[in-house]
Amino acid sequence: MTSKTAILAAAVGSLFVLAGPAFSADDSSSEKCYGVAKAAKNDCAGGAHACAGQSSKDGSPKEFVKLPKGTCARLVGGSLTPGK
């Protein structure tokens, strides 16, 4: 890997680190959006596990991600309540 590539990779990676804590669990400006999480990209516990990042399939109606309020209603498959 060249030094330019390494610097670019570090810069892009730092953007994700800084964006991670933007939505805390107690943030009143966010909501749980069920049915839109990709496999292993869920937030918090689900029905079959106890940790974030352990969902096993895309779009599971029992898994959620935290999003800014009002965003979930605009996503295909998004729901504010868990499915079955």
PDB file of N, CA and C in Angstrom:
ATOM      1  N   MET A   1       0.841  -1.161   0.000  1.00  0.00           N
ATOM      2  CA  MET A   1       0.000   0.000   0.000  1.00  0.00           C
ATOM      3  C   MET A   1       0.896   1.236   0.000  1.00  0.00           C
ATOM      4  N   THR A   2       0.626   2.174  -0.865  1.00  0.00           N
ATOM      5  CA  THR A   2       1.431   3.386  -0.912  1.00  0.00           C
ATOM      6  C   THR A   2       1.053   4.312   0.237  1.00  0.00           C
ATOM      7  N   SER A   3       1.898   5.263   0.502  1.00  0.00           N
ATOM      8  CA  SER A   3       1.628   6.172   1.622  1.00  0.00           C
ATOM      9  C   SER A   3       0.404   7.040   1.350  1.00  0.00           C
ATOM     10  N   LYS A   4       0.161   7.409   0.087  1.00  0.00           N
ATOM     11  CA  LYS A   4      -1.032   8.196  -0.243  1.00  0.00           C
ATOM     12  C   LYS A   4      -2.295   7.386   0.018  1.00  0.00           C
ATOM     13  N   THR A   5      -2.268   6.117  -0.341  1.00  0.00           N
ATOM     14  CA  THR A   5      -3.417   5.241  -0.112  1.00  0.00           C
ATOM     15  C   THR A   5      -3.651   5.050   1.381  1.00  0.00           C
ATOM     16  N   ALA A   6      -2.583   4.878   2.138  1.00  0.00           N
ATOM     17  CA  ALA A   6      -2.703   4.696   3.586  1.00  0.00           C
ATOM     18  C   ALA A   6      -3.271   5.943   4.242  1.00  0.00           C
ATOM     19  N   ILE A   7      -2.832   7.110   3.809  1.00  0.00           N
ATOM     20  CA  ILE A   7      -3.339   8.371   4.373  1.00  0.00           C
ATOM     21  C   ILE A   7      -4.812   8.543   4.030  1.00  0.00           C
ATOM     22  N   LEU A   8      -5.185   8.245   2.801  1.00  0.00           N
ATOM     23  CA  LEU A   8      -6.586   8.341   2.390  1.00  0.00           C
ATOM     24  C   LEU A   8      -7.449   7.370   3.179  1.00  0.00           C
ATOM     25  N   ALA A   9      -6.982   6.149   3.360  1.00  0.00           N
ATOM     26  CA  ALA A   9      -7.731   5.151   4.126  1.00  0.00           C
ATOM     27  C   ALA A   9      -7.907   5.599   5.578  1.00  0.00           C
ATOM     28  N   ALA A  10      -6.889   6.173   6.167  1.00  0.00           N
ATOM     29  CA  ALA A  10      -6.976   6.667   7.549  1.00  0.00           C
ATOM     30  C   ALA A  10      -7.955   7.825   7.645  1.00  0.00           C
ATOM     31  N   ALA A  11      -7.948   8.711   6.677  1.00  0.00           N
ATOM     32  CA  ALA A  11      -8.858   9.858   6.687  1.00  0.00           C
ATOM     33  C   ALA A  11     -10.311   9.409   6.558  1.00  0.00           C
ATOM     34  N   VAL A  12     -10.585   8.497   5.643  1.00  0.00           N
ATOM     35  CA  VAL A  12     -11.946   7.993   5.469  1.00  0.00           C
ATOM     36  C   VAL A  12     -12.386   7.222   6.708  1.00  0.00           C
ATOM     37  N   GLY A  13     -11.523   6.423   7.272  1.00  0.00           N
ATOM     38  CA  GLY A  13     -11.845   5.669   8.482  1.00  0.00           C
ATOM     39  C   GLY A  13     -12.175   6.565   9.654  1.00  0.00           C
ATOM     40  N   SER A  14     -11.478   7.692   9.765  1.00  0.00           N
ATOM     41  CA  SER A  14     -11.746   8.609  10.878  1.00  0.00           C
ATOM     42  C   SER A  14     -13.124   9.238  10.764  1.00  0.00           C
ATOM     43  N   LEU A  15     -13.645   9.386   9.565  1.00  0.00           N
ATOM     44  CA  LEU A  15     -14.998   9.929   9.402  1.00  0.00           C
ATOM     45  C   LEU A  15     -16.022   9.011  10.035  1.00  0.00           C
ATOM     46  N   PHE A  16     -15.852   7.708   9.899  1.00  0.00           N
ATOM     47  CA  PHE A  16     -16.786   6.757  10.486  1.00  0.00           C
ATOM     48  C   PHE A  16     -16.681   6.745  12.005  1.00  0.00           C
ATOM     49  N   VAL A  17     -15.495   6.900  12.527  1.00  0.00           N
ATOM     50  CA  VAL A  17     -15.298   6.936  13.977  1.00  0.00           C
ATOM     51  C   VAL A  17     -15.995   8.152  14.563  1.00  0.00           C
ATOM     52  N   LEU A  18     -15.868   9.291  13.909  1.00  0.00           N
ATOM     53  CA  LEU A  18     -16.488  10.514  14.409  1.00  0.00           C
ATOM     54  C   LEU A  18     -18.004  10.487  14.272  1.00  0.00           C
ATOM     55  N   ALA A  19     -18.530   9.819  13.261  1.00  0.00           N
ATOM     56  CA  ALA A  19     -19.975   9.769  13.057  1.00  0.00           C
ATOM     57  C   ALA A  19     -20.647   8.753  13.964  1.00  0.00           C
ATOM     58  N   GLY A  20     -19.920   7.783  14.493  1.00  0.00           N
ATOM     59  CA  GLY A  20     -20.498   6.726  15.314  1.00  0.00           C
ATOM     60  C   GLY A  20     -21.280   7.204  16.512  1.00  0.00           C
ATOM     61  N   PRO A  21     -20.727   8.066  17.369  1.00  0.00           N
ATOM     62  CA  PRO A  21     -21.444   8.475  18.574  1.00  0.00           C
ATOM     63  C   PRO A  21     -22.514   9.537  18.336  1.00  0.00           C
ATOM     64  N   ALA A  22     -22.825   9.864  17.101  1.00  0.00           N
ATOM     65  CA  ALA A  22     -23.800  10.918  16.821  1.00  0.00           C
ATOM     66  C   ALA A  22     -25.183  10.588  17.372  1.00  0.00           C
ATOM     67  N   PHE A  23     -25.539   9.309  17.463  1.00  0.00           N
ATOM     68  CA  PHE A  23     -26.850   8.913  17.960  1.00  0.00           C
ATOM     69  C   PHE A  23     -26.667   8.009  19.158  1.00  0.00           C
ATOM     70  N   SER A  24     -26.781   8.557  20.334  1.00  0.00           N
ATOM     71  CA  SER A  24     -26.654   7.738  21.536  1.00  0.00           C
ATOM     72  C   SER A  24     -27.979   7.068  21.850  1.00  0.00           C
ATOM     73  N   ALA A  25     -27.956   6.087  22.730  1.00  0.00           N
ATOM     74  CA  ALA A  25     -29.156   5.329  23.072  1.00  0.00           C
ATOM     75  C   ALA A  25     -30.229   6.197  23.718  1.00  0.00           C
ATOM     76  N   ASP A  26     -29.838   7.275  24.399  1.00  0.00           N
ATOM     77  CA  ASP A  26     -30.790   8.132  25.088  1.00  0.00           C
ATOM     78  C   ASP A  26     -31.110   9.408  24.323  1.00  0.00           C
ATOM     79  N   ASP A  27     -30.719   9.491  23.090  1.00  0.00           N
ATOM     80  CA  ASP A  27     -30.915  10.698  22.292  1.00  0.00           C
ATOM     81  C   ASP A  27     -32.388  10.847  21.920  1.00  0.00           C
ATOM     82  N   SER A  28     -33.012  11.929  22.335  1.00  0.00           N
ATOM     83  CA  SER A  28     -34.433  12.135  22.059  1.00  0.00           C
ATOM     84  C   SER A  28     -34.693  12.577  20.625  1.00  0.00           C
ATOM     85  N   SER A  29     -33.650  12.872  19.865  1.00  0.00           N
ATOM     86  CA  SER A  29     -33.845  13.281  18.476  1.00  0.00           C
ATOM     87  C   SER A  29     -33.692  12.107  17.514  1.00  0.00           C
ATOM     88  N   SER A  30     -33.618  10.890  18.043  1.00  0.00           N
ATOM     89  CA  SER A  30     -33.500   9.710  17.182  1.00  0.00           C
ATOM     90  C   SER A  30     -34.606   8.713  17.506  1.00  0.00           C
ATOM     91  N   GLU A  31     -34.773   7.747  16.607  1.00  0.00           N
ATOM     92  CA  GLU A  31     -35.799   6.722  16.780  1.00  0.00           C
ATOM     93  C   GLU A  31     -35.259   5.376  16.305  1.00  0.00           C
ATOM     94  N   LYS A  32     -35.856   4.304  16.821  1.00  0.00           N
ATOM     95  CA  LYS A  32     -35.490   2.960  16.372  1.00  0.00           C
ATOM     96  C   LYS A  32     -36.248   2.678  15.079  1.00  0.00           C
ATOM     97  N   CYS A  33     -35.534   2.244  14.062  1.00  0.00           N
ATOM     98  CA  CYS A  33     -36.145   1.911  12.782  1.00  0.00           C
ATOM     99  C   CYS A  33     -35.916   0.429  12.515  1.00  0.00           C
ATOM    100  N   TYR A  34     -37.002  -0.330  12.552  1.00  0.00           N
ATOM    101  CA  TYR A  34     -36.957  -1.782  12.371  1.00  0.00           C
ATOM    102  C   TYR A  34     -37.086  -2.149  10.892  1.00  0.00           C
ATOM    103  N   GLY A  35     -36.462  -3.247  10.521  1.00  0.00           N
ATOM    104  CA  GLY A  35     -36.627  -3.810   9.187  1.00  0.00           C
ATOM    105  C   GLY A  35     -35.707  -3.271   8.117  1.00  0.00           C
ATOM    106  N   VAL A  36     -34.757  -2.422   8.472  1.00  0.00           N
ATOM    107  CA  VAL A  36     -33.872  -1.855   7.453  1.00  0.00           C
ATOM    108  C   VAL A  36     -32.396  -2.164   7.684  1.00  0.00           C
ATOM    109  N   ALA A  37     -32.076  -2.796   8.804  1.00  0.00           N
ATOM    110  CA  ALA A  37     -30.669  -3.071   9.128  1.00  0.00           C
ATOM    111  C   ALA A  37     -30.100  -4.176   8.241  1.00  0.00           C
ATOM    112  N   LYS A  38     -28.898  -3.986   7.791  1.00  0.00           N
ATOM    113  CA  LYS A  38     -28.176  -5.027   7.064  1.00  0.00           C
ATOM    114  C   LYS A  38     -27.665  -6.058   8.077  1.00  0.00           C
ATOM    115  N   ALA A  39     -27.375  -7.268   7.613  1.00  0.00           N
ATOM    116  CA  ALA A  39     -26.836  -8.309   8.487  1.00  0.00           C
ATOM    117  C   ALA A  39     -25.576  -7.801   9.177  1.00  0.00           C
ATOM    118  N   ALA A  40     -25.502  -8.015  10.481  1.00  0.00           N
ATOM    119  CA  ALA A  40     -24.371  -7.624  11.327  1.00  0.00           C
ATOM    120  C   ALA A  40     -24.198  -6.113  11.461  1.00  0.00           C
ATOM    121  N   LYS A  41     -25.212  -5.334  11.112  1.00  0.00           N
ATOM    122  CA  LYS A  41     -25.130  -3.873  11.218  1.00  0.00           C
ATOM    123  C   LYS A  41     -26.247  -3.308  12.104  1.00  0.00           C
ATOM    124  N   ASN A  42     -26.882  -4.149  12.916  1.00  0.00           N
ATOM    125  CA  ASN A  42     -27.954  -3.687  13.784  1.00  0.00           C
ATOM    126  C   ASN A  42     -27.421  -2.944  15.000  1.00  0.00           C
ATOM    127  N   ASP A  43     -28.276  -2.158  15.635  1.00  0.00           N
ATOM    128  CA  ASP A  43     -27.941  -1.478  16.879  1.00  0.00           C
ATOM    129  C   ASP A  43     -28.637  -2.212  18.014  1.00  0.00           C
ATOM    130  N   CYS A  44     -27.928  -2.502  19.060  1.00  0.00           N
ATOM    131  CA  CYS A  44     -28.469  -3.106  20.287  1.00  0.00           C
ATOM    132  C   CYS A  44     -28.984  -4.536  20.092  1.00  0.00           C
ATOM    133  N   ALA A  45     -29.619  -5.044  21.123  1.00  0.00           N
ATOM    134  CA  ALA A  45     -30.035  -6.446  21.164  1.00  0.00           C
ATOM    135  C   ALA A  45     -31.243  -6.719  20.266  1.00  0.00           C
ATOM    136  N   GLY A  46     -31.377  -7.970  19.881  1.00  0.00           N
ATOM    137  CA  GLY A  46     -32.523  -8.430  19.113  1.00  0.00           C
ATOM    138  C   GLY A  46     -33.118  -9.650  19.786  1.00  0.00           C
ATOM    139  N   GLY A  47     -34.061 -10.290  19.162  1.00  0.00           N
ATOM    140  CA  GLY A  47     -34.738 -11.430  19.754  1.00  0.00           C
ATOM    141  C   GLY A  47     -33.858 -12.645  19.993  1.00  0.00           C
ATOM    142  N   ALA A  48     -32.859 -12.877  19.143  1.00  0.00           N
ATOM    143  CA  ALA A  48     -32.054 -14.095  19.242  1.00  0.00           C
ATOM    144  C   ALA A  48     -30.637 -13.851  19.752  1.00  0.00           C
ATOM    145  N   HIS A  49     -30.327 -12.608  20.152  1.00  0.00           N
ATOM    146  CA  HIS A  49     -28.980 -12.288  20.619  1.00  0.00           C
ATOM    147  C   HIS A  49     -29.027 -11.095  21.559  1.00  0.00           C
ATOM    148  N   ALA A  50     -27.888 -10.770  22.154  1.00  0.00           N
ATOM    149  CA  ALA A  50     -27.856  -9.713  23.160  1.00  0.00           C
ATOM    150  C   ALA A  50     -26.944  -8.540  22.805  1.00  0.00           C
ATOM    151  N   CYS A  51     -26.381  -8.532  21.609  1.00  0.00           N
ATOM    152  CA  CYS A  51     -25.417  -7.476  21.294  1.00  0.00           C
ATOM    153  C   CYS A  51     -25.650  -6.861  19.921  1.00  0.00           C
ATOM    154  N   ALA A  52     -25.162  -5.641  19.766  1.00  0.00           N
ATOM    155  CA  ALA A  52     -25.205  -4.976  18.469  1.00  0.00           C
ATOM    156  C   ALA A  52     -24.313  -5.711  17.482  1.00  0.00           C
ATOM    157  N   GLY A  53     -24.679  -5.667  16.226  1.00  0.00           N
ATOM    158  CA  GLY A  53     -23.853  -6.265  15.186  1.00  0.00           C
ATOM    159  C   GLY A  53     -23.980  -7.765  15.056  1.00  0.00           C
ATOM    160  N   GLN A  54     -24.997  -8.361  15.675  1.00  0.00           N
ATOM    161  CA  GLN A  54     -25.137  -9.815  15.609  1.00  0.00           C
ATOM    162  C   GLN A  54     -26.358 -10.278  14.813  1.00  0.00           C
ATOM    163  N   SER A  55     -27.006  -9.391  14.090  1.00  0.00           N
ATOM    164  CA  SER A  55     -28.135  -9.830  13.266  1.00  0.00           C
ATOM    165  C   SER A  55     -27.610 -10.727  12.153  1.00  0.00           C
ATOM    166  N   SER A  56     -28.422 -11.681  11.739  1.00  0.00           N
ATOM    167  CA  SER A  56     -27.942 -12.678  10.786  1.00  0.00           C
ATOM    168  C   SER A  56     -28.474 -12.509   9.369  1.00  0.00           C
ATOM    169  N   LYS A  57     -29.452 -11.614   9.150  1.00  0.00           N
ATOM    170  CA  LYS A  57     -29.954 -11.427   7.788  1.00  0.00           C
ATOM    171  C   LYS A  57     -30.350  -9.971   7.555  1.00  0.00           C
ATOM    172  N   ASP A  58     -30.321  -9.574   6.301  1.00  0.00           N
ATOM    173  CA  ASP A  58     -30.710  -8.216   5.924  1.00  0.00           C
ATOM    174  C   ASP A  58     -32.206  -8.017   6.111  1.00  0.00           C
ATOM    175  N   GLY A  59     -32.595  -6.841   6.582  1.00  0.00           N
ATOM    176  CA  GLY A  59     -34.006  -6.465   6.641  1.00  0.00           C
ATOM    177  C   GLY A  59     -34.850  -7.211   7.645  1.00  0.00           C
ATOM    178  N   SER A  60     -34.265  -7.792   8.663  1.00  0.00           N
ATOM    179  CA  SER A  60     -35.046  -8.520   9.661  1.00  0.00           C
ATOM    180  C   SER A  60     -35.989  -7.550  10.372  1.00  0.00           C
ATOM    181  N   PRO A  61     -37.283  -7.889  10.475  1.00  0.00           N
ATOM    182  CA  PRO A  61     -38.241  -6.989  11.125  1.00  0.00           C
ATOM    183  C   PRO A  61     -38.043  -6.878  12.631  1.00  0.00           C
ATOM    184  N   LYS A  62     -37.186  -7.703  13.216  1.00  0.00           N
ATOM    185  CA  LYS A  62     -36.920  -7.659  14.654  1.00  0.00           C
ATOM    186  C   LYS A  62     -35.676  -6.848  14.993  1.00  0.00           C
ATOM    187  N   GLU A  63     -34.900  -6.473  14.003  1.00  0.00           N
ATOM    188  CA  GLU A  63     -33.651  -5.739  14.207  1.00  0.00           C
ATOM    189  C   GLU A  63     -33.862  -4.261  13.878  1.00  0.00           C
ATOM    190  N   PHE A  64     -33.129  -3.395  14.599  1.00  0.00           N
ATOM    191  CA  PHE A  64     -33.285  -1.972  14.339  1.00  0.00           C
ATOM    192  C   PHE A  64     -31.945  -1.259  14.257  1.00  0.00           C
ATOM    193  N   VAL A  65     -32.001  -0.066  13.687  1.00  0.00           N
ATOM    194  CA  VAL A  65     -30.903   0.891  13.711  1.00  0.00           C
ATOM    195  C   VAL A  65     -31.483   2.205  14.203  1.00  0.00           C
ATOM    196  N   LYS A  66     -30.664   2.991  14.893  1.00  0.00           N
ATOM    197  CA  LYS A  66     -31.108   4.303  15.365  1.00  0.00           C
ATOM    198  C   LYS A  66     -30.894   5.318  14.241  1.00  0.00           C
ATOM    199  N   LEU A  67     -31.944   6.078  13.943  1.00  0.00           N
ATOM    200  CA  LEU A  67     -31.896   7.089  12.898  1.00  0.00           C
ATOM    201  C   LEU A  67     -32.487   8.396  13.416  1.00  0.00           C
ATOM    202  N   PRO A  68     -32.184   9.515  12.773  1.00  0.00           N
ATOM    203  CA  PRO A  68     -32.825  10.769  13.170  1.00  0.00           C
ATOM    204  C   PRO A  68     -34.341  10.656  13.005  1.00  0.00           C
ATOM    205  N   LYS A  69     -35.087  11.281  13.923  1.00  0.00           N
ATOM    206  CA  LYS A  69     -36.548  11.212  13.855  1.00  0.00           C
ATOM    207  C   LYS A  69     -37.053  11.660  12.490  1.00  0.00           C
ATOM    208  N   GLY A  70     -38.046  10.925  11.972  1.00  0.00           N
ATOM    209  CA  GLY A  70     -38.645  11.234  10.690  1.00  0.00           C
ATOM    210  C   GLY A  70     -38.007  10.522   9.513  1.00  0.00           C
ATOM    211  N   THR A  71     -36.839   9.928   9.704  1.00  0.00           N
ATOM    212  CA  THR A  71     -36.132   9.259   8.608  1.00  0.00           C
ATOM    213  C   THR A  71     -36.731   7.892   8.309  1.00  0.00           C
ATOM    214  N   CYS A  72     -37.094   7.143   9.337  1.00  0.00           N
ATOM    215  CA  CYS A  72     -37.563   5.769   9.157  1.00  0.00           C
ATOM    216  C   CYS A  72     -38.789   5.689   8.250  1.00  0.00           C
ATOM    217  N   ALA A  73     -39.711   6.620   8.409  1.00  0.00           N
ATOM    218  CA  ALA A  73     -40.948   6.601   7.617  1.00  0.00           C
ATOM    219  C   ALA A  73     -40.671   6.765   6.129  1.00  0.00           C
ATOM    220  N   ARG A  74     -39.512   7.308   5.778  1.00  0.00           N
ATOM    221  CA  ARG A  74     -39.178   7.525   4.369  1.00  0.00           C
ATOM    222  C   ARG A  74     -38.421   6.359   3.749  1.00  0.00           C
ATOM    223  N   LEU A  75     -38.078   5.342   4.549  1.00  0.00           N
ATOM    224  CA  LEU A  75     -37.314   4.201   4.040  1.00  0.00           C
ATOM    225  C   LEU A  75     -38.237   3.044   3.673  1.00  0.00           C
ATOM    226  N   VAL A  76     -37.968   2.409   2.556  1.00  0.00           N
ATOM    227  CA  VAL A  76     -38.728   1.235   2.160  1.00  0.00           C
ATOM    228  C   VAL A  76     -38.495   0.122   3.156  1.00  0.00           C
ATOM    229  N   GLY A  77     -39.557  -0.407   3.740  1.00  0.00           N
ATOM    230  CA  GLY A  77     -39.446  -1.482   4.704  1.00  0.00           C
ATOM    231  C   GLY A  77     -39.245  -1.001   6.125  1.00  0.00           C
ATOM    232  N   GLY A  78     -39.074   0.302   6.329  1.00  0.00           N
ATOM    233  CA  GLY A  78     -38.841   0.845   7.666  1.00  0.00           C
ATOM    234  C   GLY A  78     -40.107   0.880   8.498  1.00  0.00           C
ATOM    235  N   SER A  79     -39.990   0.550   9.782  1.00  0.00           N
ATOM    236  CA  SER A  79     -41.115   0.540  10.704  1.00  0.00           C
ATOM    237  C   SER A  79     -40.654   1.009  12.071  1.00  0.00           C
ATOM    238  N   LEU A  80     -41.506   1.729  12.788  1.00  0.00           N
ATOM    239  CA  LEU A  80     -41.168   2.192  14.131  1.00  0.00           C
ATOM    240  C   LEU A  80     -41.479   1.133  15.178  1.00  0.00           C
ATOM    241  N   THR A  81     -42.104   0.039  14.772  1.00  0.00           N
ATOM    242  CA  THR A  81     -42.397  -1.056  15.697  1.00  0.00           C
ATOM    243  C   THR A  81     -41.790  -2.354  15.180  1.00  0.00           C
ATOM    244  N   PRO A  82     -41.343  -3.234  16.071  1.00  0.00           N
ATOM    245  CA  PRO A  82     -40.751  -4.497  15.617  1.00  0.00           C
ATOM    246  C   PRO A  82     -41.797  -5.404  14.969  1.00  0.00           C
ATOM    247  N   GLY A  83     -41.375  -6.130  13.962  1.00  0.00           N
ATOM    248  CA  GLY A  83     -42.249  -7.087  13.298  1.00  0.00           C
ATOM    249  C   GLY A  83     -42.153  -8.453  13.950  1.00  0.00           C
ATOM    250  N   LYS A  84     -42.818  -9.398  13.371  1.00  0.00           N
ATOM    251  CA  LYS A  84     -42.819 -10.755  13.919  1.00  0.00           C
ATOM    252  C   LYS A  84     -41.828 -11.627  13.220  1.00  0.00           C
TER     253      LYS A  84
END
